[in-house]
Amino acid sequence: MESQNLTGVSEFLLLGLSDDPNLQPLLFGLFLSLYLVTLFGNLLIILVISSDPHLHIPMYFFLSNLSLADISISTTTIPKMLMNLQTYNKSITYRGCLTQLTFFSLFAFLESLLLTVMAYDRLVAICNPLHYLVIMNPHTCGLLVLASFVISLLTSLLHYLMMLQLTFCENVEIPHFFCDPPQLVNLACSNTFISNLLIYFIGTIFGGVPLLGILYSYAQIISSILRVSSSDGKYKAFSTCGSHLSVVCLFLGTGLGMYVSSTVLSSPRKSAVASVMYTVVTPMLNPFIYSLRNKDIKNGLWRIFCRIILTEHLCHIVLGS
C-alpha cells in the first residue's frame, strides 16, 4: 500500500523523554540495557519452550507467542529511540513514522488478545480438565493465535489509513519517543474529530473487551477452585494462574494508565514518560515473571543449562528424569 503524504511534510521530530543533552548518554545506556534484557529474556523463553517436549502444551504455545509479541513491541520503538539518542538527531521520516505506528499498533493489539486467549486456556484447564487437550487441540490453538493476529493486523491497518487522511503543518514536533497515534492526531492541522473518535473507540474495544473476557474467565476459575475441597488442590490451581495474572495486571494496568494519562496529564512529555512502563518495562519483565513463578519453565531452563554443561547421562541423573 503506497502512503501518500497530503501535506508535503517529509519528516517529523521525536522530542523523546528529555531535552537535557547531559541526560542523553544516561538514557541511551539505560534503554539499551532494557532492550537487550528484553531480547535475551524473551528469546530464552521461546528457546526453552521449543526445545523442551515437556512444555509442548497449549499454555506454553501461547506463552511463546506472547514473548514474540513482546520482542516485536520493543523492536518497533526502542532501536529508533537509541539511534536518535546516539546521533542527537530527533527526526523520523513521514513513511517511517507511519510504519512504526502501524507495527506498534499491531503488536500491542496482538498482546492484548493473546492475554485473553491465555485466560481462556486457563479457564478450560481448570474448569474442564478432563477435556482440556481435546478442546485445546493444536488446530484450535493455531486458529486462536491466527485469529488474534488477523484482527490485530486489520485494526493496525485501520490506524494506518486513518493517519493517511490527516494533514500536517510544517515542523511537526511529537512530544514522545515514538509515533504514538493519539499524539499524531493532536498535531494534525485538519479536522480530527473522526480520528479521535476512532482512536478512543479502538482503545476502548481492545482494552475493555479483553479485560471483560479475562475477568469472566477468572470469575469462572475462582468459582471452580472454591469448590475444590483440598487446600493443596486449591493452591495448585491458583499457582497455574499466578504468572498470567501478574502479566495481565502489568500490561493492561500500565496500558490503561497510559491511556488515562494522555487525557488527564497536561504535559504530553509526562505522558511519554508514563508510556515507558507500557512499551519498555512490561515486555522486559514478562520473562522474569514466568521464569520465577513457573516451575515448568524453571525446570526447562535447568535442562538447557544442564545439557550445555554436562553430558546427557549426567543431566538425567541431576534432574532425575
C-alpha atoms as a PDB file:
ATOM      1  CA  MET A   1       0.000   0.000   0.000  1.00  0.00           C
ATOM      2  CA  GLU A   2       1.554   3.295  -1.059  1.00  0.00           C
ATOM      3  CA  SER A   3       1.458   6.015   1.587  1.00  0.00           C
ATOM      4  CA  GLN A   4       0.502   9.456   0.300  1.00  0.00           C
ATOM      5  CA  ASN A   5       1.586  12.498   2.270  1.00  0.00           C
ATOM      6  CA  LEU A   6      -1.224  15.009   1.871  1.00  0.00           C
ATOM      7  CA  THR A   7       0.836  17.911   3.239  1.00  0.00           C
ATOM      8  CA  GLY A   8       4.270  17.513   1.724  1.00  0.00           C
ATOM      9  CA  VAL A   9       5.841  17.131   5.185  1.00  0.00           C
ATOM     10  CA  SER A  10       8.828  14.822   4.738  1.00  0.00           C
ATOM     11  CA  GLU A  11       9.711  14.213   8.389  1.00  0.00           C
ATOM     12  CA  PHE A  12       8.651  14.649  11.996  1.00  0.00           C
ATOM     13  CA  LEU A  13      10.717  15.347  15.118  1.00  0.00           C
ATOM     14  CA  LEU A  14      10.571  12.895  18.031  1.00  0.00           C
ATOM     15  CA  LEU A  15      11.310  15.029  21.083  1.00  0.00           C
ATOM     16  CA  GLY A  16      11.939  11.977  23.277  1.00  0.00           C
ATOM     17  CA  LEU A  17      11.882  11.923  27.076  1.00  0.00           C
ATOM     18  CA  SER A  18      14.211  14.857  27.792  1.00  0.00           C
ATOM     19  CA  ASP A  19      15.827  17.831  26.078  1.00  0.00           C
ATOM     20  CA  ASP A  20      18.769  17.856  28.502  1.00  0.00           C
ATOM     21  CA  PRO A  21      21.893  16.875  26.500  1.00  0.00           C
ATOM     22  CA  ASN A  22      23.591  15.674  29.697  1.00  0.00           C
ATOM     23  CA  LEU A  23      20.905  13.024  30.107  1.00  0.00           C
ATOM     24  CA  GLN A  24      21.248  11.613  26.575  1.00  0.00           C
ATOM     25  CA  PRO A  25      24.151   9.196  27.347  1.00  0.00           C
ATOM     26  CA  LEU A  26      22.394   8.012  30.516  1.00  0.00           C
ATOM     27  CA  LEU A  27      19.121   7.407  28.663  1.00  0.00           C
ATOM     28  CA  PHE A  28      20.983   5.619  25.866  1.00  0.00           C
ATOM     29  CA  GLY A  29      22.700   3.247  28.295  1.00  0.00           C
ATOM     30  CA  LEU A  30      19.507   2.635  30.272  1.00  0.00           C
ATOM     31  CA  PHE A  31      17.276   1.848  27.297  1.00  0.00           C
ATOM     32  CA  LEU A  32      19.962  -0.193  25.545  1.00  0.00           C
ATOM     33  CA  SER A  33      20.236  -2.332  28.682  1.00  0.00           C
ATOM     34  CA  LEU A  34      16.452  -2.701  28.930  1.00  0.00           C
ATOM     35  CA  TYR A  35      16.227  -3.674  25.255  1.00  0.00           C
ATOM     36  CA  LEU A  36      18.991  -6.293  25.491  1.00  0.00           C
ATOM     37  CA  VAL A  37      17.414  -7.809  28.612  1.00  0.00           C
ATOM     38  CA  THR A  38      14.037  -7.900  26.823  1.00  0.00           C
ATOM     39  CA  LEU A  39      15.531  -9.655  23.791  1.00  0.00           C
ATOM     40  CA  PHE A  40      17.545 -12.146  25.852  1.00  0.00           C
ATOM     41  CA  GLY A  41      14.723 -12.961  28.279  1.00  0.00           C
ATOM     42  CA  ASN A  42      12.004 -13.460  25.684  1.00  0.00           C
ATOM     43  CA  LEU A  43      14.247 -15.364  23.267  1.00  0.00           C
ATOM     44  CA  LEU A  44      15.256 -17.628  26.146  1.00  0.00           C
ATOM     45  CA  ILE A  45      11.594 -18.331  26.928  1.00  0.00           C
ATOM     46  CA  ILE A  46      10.961 -19.203  23.256  1.00  0.00           C
ATOM     47  CA  LEU A  47      14.073 -21.426  23.178  1.00  0.00           C
ATOM     48  CA  VAL A  48      13.089 -23.282  26.357  1.00  0.00           C
ATOM     49  CA  ILE A  49       9.535 -23.911  25.161  1.00  0.00           C
ATOM     50  CA  SER A  50      10.535 -25.013  21.663  1.00  0.00           C
ATOM     51  CA  SER A  51      13.332 -27.328  22.829  1.00  0.00           C
ATOM     52  CA  ASP A  52      11.638 -28.999  25.810  1.00  0.00           C
ATOM     53  CA  PRO A  53       8.991 -31.657  24.958  1.00  0.00           C
ATOM     54  CA  HIS A  54       7.527 -31.270  28.478  1.00  0.00           C
ATOM     55  CA  LEU A  55       6.428 -27.757  27.506  1.00  0.00           C
ATOM     56  CA  HIS A  56       4.708 -28.639  24.223  1.00  0.00           C
ATOM     57  CA  ILE A  57       1.248 -27.906  25.601  1.00  0.00           C
ATOM     58  CA  PRO A  58      -1.228 -25.107  24.740  1.00  0.00           C
ATOM     59  CA  MET A  59      -0.342 -22.882  27.720  1.00  0.00           C
ATOM     60  CA  TYR A  60       3.302 -22.620  26.677  1.00  0.00           C
ATOM     61  CA  PHE A  61       2.474 -22.375  22.981  1.00  0.00           C
ATOM     62  CA  PHE A  62       0.570 -19.179  23.792  1.00  0.00           C
ATOM     63  CA  LEU A  63       3.385 -18.003  26.067  1.00  0.00           C
ATOM     64  CA  SER A  64       5.960 -18.347  23.273  1.00  0.00           C
ATOM     65  CA  ASN A  65       3.734 -16.230  21.016  1.00  0.00           C
ATOM     66  CA  LEU A  66       3.386 -13.666  23.805  1.00  0.00           C
ATOM     67  CA  SER A  67       7.183 -13.499  24.099  1.00  0.00           C
ATOM     68  CA  LEU A  68       7.410 -12.963  20.339  1.00  0.00           C
ATOM     69  CA  ALA A  69       4.916 -10.097  20.611  1.00  0.00           C
ATOM     70  CA  ASP A  70       6.974  -8.572  23.461  1.00  0.00           C
ATOM     71  CA  ILE A  71      10.129  -8.675  21.336  1.00  0.00           C
ATOM     72  CA  SER A  72       8.249  -7.084  18.440  1.00  0.00           C
ATOM     73  CA  ILE A  73       6.816  -4.237  20.547  1.00  0.00           C
ATOM     74  CA  SER A  74      10.255  -3.350  21.895  1.00  0.00           C
ATOM     75  CA  THR A  75      11.927  -3.651  18.480  1.00  0.00           C
ATOM     76  CA  THR A  76       9.326  -1.337  16.951  1.00  0.00           C
ATOM     77  CA  THR A  77      10.120   1.538  19.307  1.00  0.00           C
ATOM     78  CA  ILE A  78      13.461   1.243  21.131  1.00  0.00           C
ATOM     79  CA  PRO A  79      16.030   0.933  18.265  1.00  0.00           C
ATOM     80  CA  LYS A  80      14.845   4.178  16.658  1.00  0.00           C
ATOM     81  CA  MET A  81      14.950   5.889  20.034  1.00  0.00           C
ATOM     82  CA  LEU A  82      18.510   4.619  20.624  1.00  0.00           C
ATOM     83  CA  MET A  83      19.611   5.802  17.191  1.00  0.00           C
ATOM     84  CA  ASN A  84      18.197   9.280  17.840  1.00  0.00           C
ATOM     85  CA  LEU A  85      19.901   9.440  21.249  1.00  0.00           C
ATOM     86  CA  GLN A  86      23.240   8.318  19.812  1.00  0.00           C
ATOM     87  CA  THR A  87      23.228  10.664  16.819  1.00  0.00           C
ATOM     88  CA  TYR A  88      21.492  13.597  18.560  1.00  0.00           C
ATOM     89  CA  ASN A  89      19.126  13.583  15.575  1.00  0.00           C
ATOM     90  CA  LYS A  90      15.446  13.564  16.502  1.00  0.00           C
ATOM     91  CA  SER A  91      13.984  13.238  13.011  1.00  0.00           C
ATOM     92  CA  ILE A  92      11.890  10.394  11.632  1.00  0.00           C
ATOM     93  CA  THR A  93      10.563  10.298   8.083  1.00  0.00           C
ATOM     94  CA  TYR A  94       6.865  10.522   7.329  1.00  0.00           C
ATOM     95  CA  ARG A  95       6.767   6.968   5.979  1.00  0.00           C
ATOM     96  CA  GLY A  96       8.964   5.744   8.823  1.00  0.00           C
ATOM     97  CA  CYS A  97       6.556   7.245  11.338  1.00  0.00           C
ATOM     98  CA  LEU A  98       3.544   5.608   9.695  1.00  0.00           C
ATOM     99  CA  THR A  99       5.373   2.275   9.570  1.00  0.00           C
ATOM    100  CA  GLN A 100       6.327   2.467  13.240  1.00  0.00           C
ATOM    101  CA  LEU A 101       2.797   3.458  14.209  1.00  0.00           C
ATOM    102  CA  THR A 102       1.291   0.559  12.246  1.00  0.00           C
ATOM    103  CA  PHE A 103       3.590  -2.120  13.660  1.00  0.00           C
ATOM    104  CA  PHE A 104       3.321  -0.812  17.214  1.00  0.00           C
ATOM    105  CA  SER A 105      -0.480  -0.926  16.990  1.00  0.00           C
ATOM    106  CA  LEU A 106      -0.318  -4.439  15.505  1.00  0.00           C
ATOM    107  CA  PHE A 107       1.801  -5.949  18.281  1.00  0.00           C
ATOM    108  CA  ALA A 108       0.126  -4.039  21.132  1.00  0.00           C
ATOM    109  CA  PHE A 109      -3.299  -5.279  19.997  1.00  0.00           C
ATOM    110  CA  LEU A 110      -1.888  -8.776  19.479  1.00  0.00           C
ATOM    111  CA  GLU A 111      -0.523  -8.921  23.036  1.00  0.00           C
ATOM    112  CA  SER A 112      -3.871  -7.821  24.437  1.00  0.00           C
ATOM    113  CA  LEU A 113      -5.695 -10.557  22.521  1.00  0.00           C
ATOM    114  CA  LEU A 114      -3.109 -13.215  23.396  1.00  0.00           C
ATOM    115  CA  LEU A 115      -3.549 -12.472  27.095  1.00  0.00           C
ATOM    116  CA  THR A 116      -7.294 -13.007  26.630  1.00  0.00           C
ATOM    117  CA  VAL A 117      -6.685 -16.309  24.833  1.00  0.00           C
ATOM    118  CA  MET A 118      -4.357 -17.401  27.645  1.00  0.00           C
ATOM    119  CA  ALA A 119      -7.094 -16.628  30.189  1.00  0.00           C
ATOM    120  CA  TYR A 120      -9.492 -18.833  28.191  1.00  0.00           C
ATOM    121  CA  ASP A 121      -6.844 -21.564  28.156  1.00  0.00           C
ATOM    122  CA  ARG A 122      -6.613 -21.437  31.976  1.00  0.00           C
ATOM    123  CA  LEU A 123     -10.419 -21.476  32.172  1.00  0.00           C
ATOM    124  CA  VAL A 124     -10.625 -24.713  30.172  1.00  0.00           C
ATOM    125  CA  ALA A 125      -7.672 -26.294  32.029  1.00  0.00           C
ATOM    126  CA  ILE A 126      -9.165 -25.682  35.491  1.00  0.00           C
ATOM    127  CA  CYS A 127     -12.905 -25.890  34.865  1.00  0.00           C
ATOM    128  CA  ASN A 128     -12.854 -28.723  32.329  1.00  0.00           C
ATOM    129  CA  PRO A 129      -9.558 -30.612  32.905  1.00  0.00           C
ATOM    130  CA  LEU A 130     -10.717 -33.983  31.535  1.00  0.00           C
ATOM    131  CA  HIS A 131     -11.436 -32.496  28.108  1.00  0.00           C
ATOM    132  CA  TYR A 132      -8.630 -29.900  28.135  1.00  0.00           C
ATOM    133  CA  LEU A 133      -6.421 -31.488  25.479  1.00  0.00           C
ATOM    134  CA  VAL A 134      -9.460 -32.272  23.336  1.00  0.00           C
ATOM    135  CA  ILE A 135     -10.803 -28.709  23.425  1.00  0.00           C
ATOM    136  CA  MET A 136      -7.398 -27.015  23.243  1.00  0.00           C
ATOM    137  CA  ASN A 137      -6.016 -29.200  20.478  1.00  0.00           C
ATOM    138  CA  PRO A 138      -3.171 -27.935  18.220  1.00  0.00           C
ATOM    139  CA  HIS A 139      -5.620 -26.955  15.466  1.00  0.00           C
ATOM    140  CA  THR A 140      -7.716 -24.838  17.852  1.00  0.00           C
ATOM    141  CA  CYS A 141      -4.634 -23.226  19.414  1.00  0.00           C
ATOM    142  CA  GLY A 142      -3.275 -22.336  15.976  1.00  0.00           C
ATOM    143  CA  LEU A 143      -6.611 -20.834  14.935  1.00  0.00           C
ATOM    144  CA  LEU A 144      -6.833 -18.738  18.115  1.00  0.00           C
ATOM    145  CA  VAL A 145      -3.367 -17.261  17.529  1.00  0.00           C
ATOM    146  CA  LEU A 146      -4.058 -16.736  13.819  1.00  0.00           C
ATOM    147  CA  ALA A 147      -7.387 -15.033  14.546  1.00  0.00           C
ATOM    148  CA  SER A 148      -5.701 -12.763  17.107  1.00  0.00           C
ATOM    149  CA  PHE A 149      -3.050 -11.811  14.554  1.00  0.00           C
ATOM    150  CA  VAL A 150      -5.552 -11.153  11.737  1.00  0.00           C
ATOM    151  CA  ILE A 151      -7.777  -8.974  13.964  1.00  0.00           C
ATOM    152  CA  SER A 152      -4.734  -7.026  15.169  1.00  0.00           C
ATOM    153  CA  LEU A 153      -3.449  -6.620  11.608  1.00  0.00           C
ATOM    154  CA  LEU A 154      -6.775  -5.281  10.321  1.00  0.00           C
ATOM    155  CA  THR A 155      -7.033  -2.849  13.221  1.00  0.00           C
ATOM    156  CA  SER A 156      -3.475  -1.591  12.737  1.00  0.00           C
ATOM    157  CA  LEU A 157      -4.211  -1.058   9.038  1.00  0.00           C
ATOM    158  CA  LEU A 158      -7.241   0.984  10.073  1.00  0.00           C
ATOM    159  CA  HIS A 159      -4.889   3.171  12.133  1.00  0.00           C
ATOM    160  CA  TYR A 160      -2.601   3.481   9.100  1.00  0.00           C
ATOM    161  CA  LEU A 161      -5.417   4.503   6.738  1.00  0.00           C
ATOM    162  CA  MET A 162      -6.759   6.955   9.298  1.00  0.00           C
ATOM    163  CA  MET A 163      -3.371   8.666   9.584  1.00  0.00           C
ATOM    164  CA  LEU A 164      -3.106   8.915   5.797  1.00  0.00           C
ATOM    165  CA  GLN A 165      -6.182  11.142   5.787  1.00  0.00           C
ATOM    166  CA  LEU A 166      -4.647  13.688   8.179  1.00  0.00           C
ATOM    167  CA  THR A 167      -2.789  16.781   7.042  1.00  0.00           C
ATOM    168  CA  PHE A 168       0.175  18.158   8.984  1.00  0.00           C
ATOM    169  CA  CYS A 169       1.773  21.583   9.133  1.00  0.00           C
ATOM    170  CA  GLU A 170       5.491  22.219   8.835  1.00  0.00           C
ATOM    171  CA  ASN A 171       7.943  21.395  11.652  1.00  0.00           C
ATOM    172  CA  VAL A 172       5.779  18.818  13.410  1.00  0.00           C
ATOM    173  CA  GLU A 173       7.272  18.036  16.836  1.00  0.00           C
ATOM    174  CA  ILE A 174       5.996  14.875  18.527  1.00  0.00           C
ATOM    175  CA  PRO A 175       6.429  15.055  22.340  1.00  0.00           C
ATOM    176  CA  HIS A 176       7.149  11.338  22.540  1.00  0.00           C
ATOM    177  CA  PHE A 177       9.915   8.802  21.823  1.00  0.00           C
ATOM    178  CA  PHE A 178       7.855   7.011  19.158  1.00  0.00           C
ATOM    179  CA  CYS A 179       4.986   7.790  16.790  1.00  0.00           C
ATOM    180  CA  ASP A 180       2.015   7.390  19.108  1.00  0.00           C
ATOM    181  CA  PRO A 181      -1.361   7.625  17.284  1.00  0.00           C
ATOM    182  CA  PRO A 182      -3.082   9.998  19.780  1.00  0.00           C
ATOM    183  CA  GLN A 183      -0.097  12.358  19.721  1.00  0.00           C
ATOM    184  CA  LEU A 184      -0.070  12.470  15.910  1.00  0.00           C
ATOM    185  CA  VAL A 185      -3.795  13.161  15.761  1.00  0.00           C
ATOM    186  CA  ASN A 186      -3.396  16.047  18.213  1.00  0.00           C
ATOM    187  CA  LEU A 187      -0.701  17.589  15.971  1.00  0.00           C
ATOM    188  CA  ALA A 188      -2.717  17.417  12.741  1.00  0.00           C
ATOM    189  CA  CYS A 189      -3.876  20.609  11.054  1.00  0.00           C
ATOM    190  CA  SER A 190      -7.028  19.056   9.610  1.00  0.00           C
ATOM    191  CA  ASN A 191     -10.272  18.200  11.376  1.00  0.00           C
ATOM    192  CA  THR A 192      -9.534  15.347  13.787  1.00  0.00           C
ATOM    193  CA  PHE A 193     -12.965  14.678  15.273  1.00  0.00           C
ATOM    194  CA  ILE A 194     -13.470  11.375  13.416  1.00  0.00           C
ATOM    195  CA  SER A 195      -9.871  10.320  14.033  1.00  0.00           C
ATOM    196  CA  ASN A 196     -10.109  10.983  17.771  1.00  0.00           C
ATOM    197  CA  LEU A 197     -13.405   9.131  17.885  1.00  0.00           C
ATOM    198  CA  LEU A 198     -11.869   6.125  16.142  1.00  0.00           C
ATOM    199  CA  ILE A 199      -8.794   6.087  18.393  1.00  0.00           C
ATOM    200  CA  TYR A 200     -10.826   6.124  21.599  1.00  0.00           C
ATOM    201  CA  PHE A 201     -13.287   3.586  20.193  1.00  0.00           C
ATOM    202  CA  ILE A 202     -10.480   1.207  19.194  1.00  0.00           C
ATOM    203  CA  GLY A 203      -8.730   1.772  22.530  1.00  0.00           C
ATOM    204  CA  THR A 204     -11.931   1.001  24.414  1.00  0.00           C
ATOM    205  CA  ILE A 205     -12.586  -2.149  22.370  1.00  0.00           C
ATOM    206  CA  PHE A 206      -9.057  -3.554  22.644  1.00  0.00           C
ATOM    207  CA  GLY A 207      -8.751  -2.557  26.280  1.00  0.00           C
ATOM    208  CA  GLY A 208     -12.289  -3.190  27.517  1.00  0.00           C
ATOM    209  CA  VAL A 209     -13.291  -6.365  25.666  1.00  0.00           C
ATOM    210  CA  PRO A 210     -10.111  -8.339  26.551  1.00  0.00           C
ATOM    211  CA  LEU A 211     -10.404  -7.105  30.151  1.00  0.00           C
ATOM    212  CA  LEU A 212     -14.021  -8.269  30.337  1.00  0.00           C
ATOM    213  CA  GLY A 213     -13.046 -11.624  28.816  1.00  0.00           C
ATOM    214  CA  ILE A 214     -10.236 -12.063  31.335  1.00  0.00           C
ATOM    215  CA  LEU A 215     -12.469 -11.043  34.258  1.00  0.00           C
ATOM    216  CA  TYR A 216     -15.157 -13.507  33.140  1.00  0.00           C
ATOM    217  CA  SER A 217     -12.598 -16.309  32.787  1.00  0.00           C
ATOM    218  CA  TYR A 218     -11.175 -15.709  36.251  1.00  0.00           C
ATOM    219  CA  ALA A 219     -14.632 -15.400  37.808  1.00  0.00           C
ATOM    220  CA  GLN A 220     -15.370 -18.897  36.487  1.00  0.00           C
ATOM    221  CA  ILE A 221     -11.925 -20.141  37.573  1.00  0.00           C
ATOM    222  CA  ILE A 222     -12.322 -18.808  41.123  1.00  0.00           C
ATOM    223  CA  SER A 223     -15.805 -20.278  41.362  1.00  0.00           C
ATOM    224  CA  SER A 224     -14.451 -23.663  40.270  1.00  0.00           C
ATOM    225  CA  ILE A 225     -11.447 -23.529  42.626  1.00  0.00           C
ATOM    226  CA  LEU A 226     -13.608 -22.679  45.639  1.00  0.00           C
ATOM    227  CA  ARG A 227     -15.489 -25.928  45.077  1.00  0.00           C
ATOM    228  CA  VAL A 228     -12.244 -27.900  45.470  1.00  0.00           C
ATOM    229  CA  SER A 229     -12.154 -29.468  48.954  1.00  0.00           C
ATOM    230  CA  SER A 230      -8.397 -29.887  49.489  1.00  0.00           C
ATOM    231  CA  SER A 231      -6.165 -26.896  50.205  1.00  0.00           C
ATOM    232  CA  ASP A 232      -3.381 -28.460  48.121  1.00  0.00           C
ATOM    233  CA  GLY A 233      -5.704 -28.653  45.123  1.00  0.00           C
ATOM    234  CA  LYS A 234      -6.693 -25.024  45.537  1.00  0.00           C
ATOM    235  CA  TYR A 235      -3.075 -23.907  45.801  1.00  0.00           C
ATOM    236  CA  LYS A 236      -2.053 -25.897  42.712  1.00  0.00           C
ATOM    237  CA  ALA A 237      -4.933 -24.430  40.688  1.00  0.00           C
ATOM    238  CA  PHE A 238      -4.165 -20.866  41.786  1.00  0.00           C
ATOM    239  CA  SER A 239      -0.429 -21.311  41.145  1.00  0.00           C
ATOM    240  CA  THR A 240      -1.031 -22.117  37.465  1.00  0.00           C
ATOM    241  CA  CYS A 241      -2.757 -18.725  37.089  1.00  0.00           C
ATOM    242  CA  GLY A 242      -0.363 -16.585  39.138  1.00  0.00           C
ATOM    243  CA  SER A 243       2.070 -15.745  36.352  1.00  0.00           C
ATOM    244  CA  HIS A 244      -0.673 -14.940  33.859  1.00  0.00           C
ATOM    245  CA  LEU A 245      -2.499 -12.724  36.339  1.00  0.00           C
ATOM    246  CA  SER A 246       0.716 -10.828  37.083  1.00  0.00           C
ATOM    247  CA  VAL A 247       1.334 -10.199  33.362  1.00  0.00           C
ATOM    248  CA  VAL A 248      -2.290  -9.144  32.808  1.00  0.00           C
ATOM    249  CA  CYS A 249      -2.136  -6.647  35.672  1.00  0.00           C
ATOM    250  CA  LEU A 250       1.185  -5.295  34.417  1.00  0.00           C
ATOM    251  CA  PHE A 251       0.224  -4.984  30.745  1.00  0.00           C
ATOM    252  CA  LEU A 252      -3.404  -3.861  30.986  1.00  0.00           C
ATOM    253  CA  GLY A 253      -2.736  -1.808  34.125  1.00  0.00           C
ATOM    254  CA  THR A 254       0.104   0.191  32.580  1.00  0.00           C
ATOM    255  CA  GLY A 255      -1.723   0.368  29.247  1.00  0.00           C
ATOM    256  CA  LEU A 256      -4.818   1.772  30.923  1.00  0.00           C
ATOM    257  CA  GLY A 257      -2.600   4.146  32.896  1.00  0.00           C
ATOM    258  CA  MET A 258      -1.028   5.444  29.694  1.00  0.00           C
ATOM    259  CA  TYR A 259      -4.471   5.751  28.086  1.00  0.00           C
ATOM    260  CA  VAL A 260      -5.805   7.782  31.037  1.00  0.00           C
ATOM    261  CA  SER A 261      -2.628   9.855  31.436  1.00  0.00           C
ATOM    262  CA  SER A 262      -2.824  11.012  27.826  1.00  0.00           C
ATOM    263  CA  THR A 263      -6.170  12.654  28.603  1.00  0.00           C
ATOM    264  CA  VAL A 264      -5.527  13.755  32.213  1.00  0.00           C
ATOM    265  CA  LEU A 265      -1.913  14.954  32.204  1.00  0.00           C
ATOM    266  CA  SER A 266      -1.488  18.481  30.913  1.00  0.00           C
ATOM    267  CA  SER A 267       2.065  17.810  29.702  1.00  0.00           C
ATOM    268  CA  PRO A 268       2.441  15.450  26.708  1.00  0.00           C
ATOM    269  CA  ARG A 269       6.055  14.826  27.816  1.00  0.00           C
ATOM    270  CA  LYS A 270       4.794  13.410  31.135  1.00  0.00           C
ATOM    271  CA  SER A 271       2.503  11.110  29.172  1.00  0.00           C
ATOM    272  CA  ALA A 272       5.530   9.901  27.193  1.00  0.00           C
ATOM    273  CA  VAL A 273       7.381   9.097  30.410  1.00  0.00           C
ATOM    274  CA  ALA A 274       4.333   7.199  31.688  1.00  0.00           C
ATOM    275  CA  SER A 275       4.199   5.131  28.491  1.00  0.00           C
ATOM    276  CA  VAL A 276       7.712   3.769  29.149  1.00  0.00           C
ATOM    277  CA  MET A 277       6.155   1.294  31.613  1.00  0.00           C
ATOM    278  CA  TYR A 278       3.765   0.022  28.953  1.00  0.00           C
ATOM    279  CA  THR A 279       6.110  -0.124  25.974  1.00  0.00           C
ATOM    280  CA  VAL A 280       9.512  -0.893  27.517  1.00  0.00           C
ATOM    281  CA  VAL A 281       9.338  -2.202  31.084  1.00  0.00           C
ATOM    282  CA  THR A 282       6.420  -4.636  30.681  1.00  0.00           C
ATOM    283  CA  PRO A 283       7.969  -6.621  27.769  1.00  0.00           C
ATOM    284  CA  MET A 284      11.197  -6.839  29.781  1.00  0.00           C
ATOM    285  CA  LEU A 285       9.517  -8.117  32.965  1.00  0.00           C
ATOM    286  CA  ASN A 286       7.273 -10.770  31.395  1.00  0.00           C
ATOM    287  CA  PRO A 287      10.025 -13.421  31.041  1.00  0.00           C
ATOM    288  CA  PHE A 288      11.103 -12.895  34.658  1.00  0.00           C
ATOM    289  CA  ILE A 289       7.531 -13.262  35.890  1.00  0.00           C
ATOM    290  CA  TYR A 290       7.074 -16.561  34.044  1.00  0.00           C
ATOM    291  CA  SER A 291      10.513 -17.956  34.864  1.00  0.00           C
ATOM    292  CA  LEU A 292      10.448 -17.033  38.569  1.00  0.00           C
ATOM    293  CA  ARG A 293       6.852 -18.075  39.252  1.00  0.00           C
ATOM    294  CA  ASN A 294       6.597 -21.101  36.980  1.00  0.00           C
ATOM    295  CA  LYS A 295       8.139 -24.430  37.982  1.00  0.00           C
ATOM    296  CA  ASP A 296       7.899 -25.908  34.457  1.00  0.00           C
ATOM    297  CA  ILE A 297       9.830 -23.002  32.905  1.00  0.00           C
ATOM    298  CA  LYS A 298      12.476 -23.165  35.638  1.00  0.00           C
ATOM    299  CA  ASN A 299      12.885 -26.907  35.057  1.00  0.00           C
ATOM    300  CA  GLY A 300      13.155 -26.281  31.314  1.00  0.00           C
ATOM    301  CA  LEU A 301      15.875 -23.693  31.903  1.00  0.00           C
ATOM    302  CA  TRP A 302      17.778 -26.141  34.103  1.00  0.00           C
ATOM    303  CA  ARG A 303      17.533 -28.816  31.402  1.00  0.00           C
ATOM    304  CA  ILE A 304      19.062 -26.479  28.816  1.00  0.00           C
ATOM    305  CA  PHE A 305      21.892 -25.338  31.092  1.00  0.00           C
ATOM    306  CA  CYS A 306      22.479 -28.905  32.212  1.00  0.00           C
ATOM    307  CA  ARG A 307      22.799 -30.184  28.641  1.00  0.00           C
ATOM    308  CA  ILE A 308      25.247 -27.411  27.816  1.00  0.00           C
ATOM    309  CA  ILE A 309      27.477 -28.032  30.834  1.00  0.00           C
ATOM    310  CA  LEU A 310      27.073 -31.785  31.497  1.00  0.00           C
ATOM    311  CA  THR A 311      26.755 -34.925  29.405  1.00  0.00           C
ATOM    312  CA  GLU A 312      23.237 -36.158  28.637  1.00  0.00           C
ATOM    313  CA  HIS A 313      23.659 -39.105  31.063  1.00  0.00           C
ATOM    314  CA  LEU A 314      24.737 -36.859  33.953  1.00  0.00           C
ATOM    315  CA  CYS A 315      21.968 -34.421  33.074  1.00  0.00           C
ATOM    316  CA  HIS A 316      19.319 -37.141  33.519  1.00  0.00           C
ATOM    317  CA  ILE A 317      20.855 -38.084  36.891  1.00  0.00           C
ATOM    318  CA  VAL A 318      20.905 -34.477  38.154  1.00  0.00           C
ATOM    319  CA  LEU A 319      17.354 -33.704  37.019  1.00  0.00           C
ATOM    320  CA  GLY A 320      16.024 -37.118  37.949  1.00  0.00           C
ATOM    321  CA  SER A 321      14.237 -37.513  34.600  1.00  0.00           C
END
